[in-house]
Amino acid sequence: MAIYTLNSPVVAVVLALTVYVLFTLLLSATRVYGTISELKDSRAGIGECISRGFGQLFPVVAVDLLVASAVAYHDLRIAKDGVSAAEIAAVFD
């Protein structure tokens, strides 16, 4: 019996998280386009913002993956070096 069937809760959670992340990134791309066009004194309609958001979705996903990789690498380096929470807190004091 396979653990990961289409009716599996694990598959449902992974699918839900993937859809959530993609819609969040789409919303970010849409809001950035709308904000930039507003700052340029040209009002963009909701349709144009969504259209541009879909057009910029893959570059936004690529940047998101790069940022997530850099954060994960940094976190793993801290964990490997055995930096304590007190040492990290001392940086901000």
C-alpha atoms as a PDB file:
ATOM      1  CA  MET A   1       0.000   0.000   0.000  1.00  0.00           C
ATOM      2  CA  ALA A   2       1.420   3.337  -1.024  1.00  0.00           C
ATOM      3  CA  ILE A   3       1.644   6.035   1.609  1.00  0.00           C
ATOM      4  CA  TYR A   4       1.341   8.923  -0.842  1.00  0.00           C
ATOM      5  CA  THR A   5      -1.849   8.317  -2.787  1.00  0.00           C
ATOM      6  CA  LEU A   6      -4.023  11.101  -4.139  1.00  0.00           C
ATOM      7  CA  ASN A   7      -6.359  10.689  -1.170  1.00  0.00           C
ATOM      8  CA  SER A   8      -3.522  10.998   1.331  1.00  0.00           C
ATOM      9  CA  PRO A   9      -3.592  13.918   3.792  1.00  0.00           C
ATOM     10  CA  VAL A  10       0.112  14.486   3.127  1.00  0.00           C
ATOM     11  CA  VAL A  11      -0.556  15.065  -0.569  1.00  0.00           C
ATOM     12  CA  ALA A  12      -3.432  17.390   0.295  1.00  0.00           C
ATOM     13  CA  VAL A  13      -1.278  19.471   2.645  1.00  0.00           C
ATOM     14  CA  VAL A  14       1.587  19.726   0.141  1.00  0.00           C
ATOM     15  CA  LEU A  15      -0.832  20.727  -2.611  1.00  0.00           C
ATOM     16  CA  ALA A  16      -2.541  23.299  -0.377  1.00  0.00           C
ATOM     17  CA  LEU A  17       0.802  24.823   0.654  1.00  0.00           C
ATOM     18  CA  THR A  18       1.957  24.984  -2.960  1.00  0.00           C
ATOM     19  CA  VAL A  19      -1.227  26.759  -4.049  1.00  0.00           C
ATOM     20  CA  TYR A  20      -0.973  29.106  -1.058  1.00  0.00           C
ATOM     21  CA  VAL A  21       2.626  30.065  -1.856  1.00  0.00           C
ATOM     22  CA  LEU A  22       1.876  30.617  -5.550  1.00  0.00           C
ATOM     23  CA  PHE A  23      -1.123  32.834  -4.804  1.00  0.00           C
ATOM     24  CA  THR A  24       0.883  34.769  -2.219  1.00  0.00           C
ATOM     25  CA  LEU A  25       3.633  35.406  -4.763  1.00  0.00           C
ATOM     26  CA  LEU A  26       1.032  36.361  -7.388  1.00  0.00           C
ATOM     27  CA  LEU A  27      -0.490  38.824  -4.948  1.00  0.00           C
ATOM     28  CA  SER A  28       2.949  40.293  -4.230  1.00  0.00           C
ATOM     29  CA  ALA A  29       3.724  40.762  -7.913  1.00  0.00           C
ATOM     30  CA  THR A  30       0.300  42.328  -8.473  1.00  0.00           C
ATOM     31  CA  ARG A  31       0.649  44.751  -5.572  1.00  0.00           C
ATOM     32  CA  VAL A  32       4.160  45.792  -6.604  1.00  0.00           C
ATOM     33  CA  TYR A  33       3.008  46.561 -10.153  1.00  0.00           C
ATOM     34  CA  GLY A  34       0.005  48.531  -8.895  1.00  0.00           C
ATOM     35  CA  THR A  35       2.134  50.476  -6.427  1.00  0.00           C
ATOM     36  CA  ILE A  36       4.822  51.332  -8.971  1.00  0.00           C
ATOM     37  CA  SER A  37       2.258  52.457 -11.540  1.00  0.00           C
ATOM     38  CA  GLU A  38       0.549  54.594  -8.878  1.00  0.00           C
ATOM     39  CA  LEU A  39       3.889  56.191  -7.984  1.00  0.00           C
ATOM     40  CA  LYS A  40       4.373  57.006 -11.666  1.00  0.00           C
ATOM     41  CA  ASP A  41       1.034  58.869 -11.595  1.00  0.00           C
ATOM     42  CA  SER A  42      -0.667  56.401 -13.913  1.00  0.00           C
ATOM     43  CA  ARG A  43      -3.537  54.472 -12.413  1.00  0.00           C
ATOM     44  CA  ALA A  44      -3.572  50.780 -13.324  1.00  0.00           C
ATOM     45  CA  GLY A  45      -6.829  48.878 -13.218  1.00  0.00           C
ATOM     46  CA  ILE A  46      -7.259  45.644 -11.321  1.00  0.00           C
ATOM     47  CA  GLY A  47      -7.285  43.630 -14.561  1.00  0.00           C
ATOM     48  CA  GLU A  48      -4.003  45.127 -15.704  1.00  0.00           C
ATOM     49  CA  CYS A  49      -2.427  44.519 -12.286  1.00  0.00           C
ATOM     50  CA  ILE A  50      -3.489  40.867 -12.274  1.00  0.00           C
ATOM     51  CA  SER A  51      -2.344  40.408 -15.868  1.00  0.00           C
ATOM     52  CA  ARG A  52       1.076  41.852 -15.062  1.00  0.00           C
ATOM     53  CA  GLY A  53       1.199  39.789 -11.873  1.00  0.00           C
ATOM     54  CA  PHE A  54       0.737  36.581 -13.869  1.00  0.00           C
ATOM     55  CA  GLY A  55       3.366  37.783 -16.339  1.00  0.00           C
ATOM     56  CA  GLN A  56       5.891  38.334 -13.567  1.00  0.00           C
ATOM     57  CA  LEU A  57       5.031  35.213 -11.549  1.00  0.00           C
ATOM     58  CA  PHE A  58       7.982  33.085 -12.670  1.00  0.00           C
ATOM     59  CA  PRO A  59      10.661  35.742 -12.004  1.00  0.00           C
ATOM     60  CA  VAL A  60       9.074  36.344  -8.589  1.00  0.00           C
ATOM     61  CA  VAL A  61       9.167  32.591  -7.847  1.00  0.00           C
ATOM     62  CA  ALA A  62      12.823  32.479  -8.910  1.00  0.00           C
ATOM     63  CA  VAL A  63      13.745  35.344  -6.587  1.00  0.00           C
ATOM     64  CA  ASP A  64      11.752  33.753  -3.778  1.00  0.00           C
ATOM     65  CA  LEU A  65      13.632  30.473  -4.214  1.00  0.00           C
ATOM     66  CA  LEU A  66      16.974  32.288  -4.167  1.00  0.00           C
ATOM     67  CA  VAL A  67      16.069  34.161  -0.978  1.00  0.00           C
ATOM     68  CA  ALA A  68      14.777  30.983   0.680  1.00  0.00           C
ATOM     69  CA  SER A  69      17.996  29.167  -0.264  1.00  0.00           C
ATOM     70  CA  ALA A  70      20.155  31.944   1.163  1.00  0.00           C
ATOM     71  CA  VAL A  71      18.176  32.003   4.418  1.00  0.00           C
ATOM     72  CA  ALA A  72      18.303  28.205   4.727  1.00  0.00           C
ATOM     73  CA  TYR A  73      22.062  28.201   4.040  1.00  0.00           C
ATOM     74  CA  HIS A  74      22.604  30.865   6.681  1.00  0.00           C
ATOM     75  CA  ASP A  75      20.471  29.001   9.213  1.00  0.00           C
ATOM     76  CA  LEU A  76      22.343  25.766   8.573  1.00  0.00           C
ATOM     77  CA  ARG A  77      25.690  27.527   8.981  1.00  0.00           C
ATOM     78  CA  ILE A  78      24.585  28.921  12.344  1.00  0.00           C
ATOM     79  CA  ALA A  79      23.352  25.497  13.447  1.00  0.00           C
ATOM     80  CA  LYS A  80      26.563  23.797  12.283  1.00  0.00           C
ATOM     81  CA  ASP A  81      28.810  26.270  14.060  1.00  0.00           C
ATOM     82  CA  GLY A  82      26.878  25.795  17.282  1.00  0.00           C
ATOM     83  CA  VAL A  83      26.034  29.433  17.805  1.00  0.00           C
ATOM     84  CA  SER A  84      23.884  29.779  20.896  1.00  0.00           C
ATOM     85  CA  ALA A  85      20.799  31.945  21.234  1.00  0.00           C
ATOM     86  CA  ALA A  86      22.680  34.130  23.743  1.00  0.00           C
ATOM     87  CA  GLU A  87      25.398  34.837  21.184  1.00  0.00           C
ATOM     88  CA  ILE A  88      22.815  35.786  18.591  1.00  0.00           C
ATOM     89  CA  ALA A  89      21.006  38.034  21.080  1.00  0.00           C
ATOM     90  CA  ALA A  90      24.315  39.708  21.984  1.00  0.00           C
ATOM     91  CA  VAL A  91      24.627  40.892  18.372  1.00  0.00           C
ATOM     92  CA  PHE A  92      21.432  42.920  18.750  1.00  0.00           C
ATOM     93  CA  ASP A  93      22.347  44.451  22.108  1.00  0.00           C
END
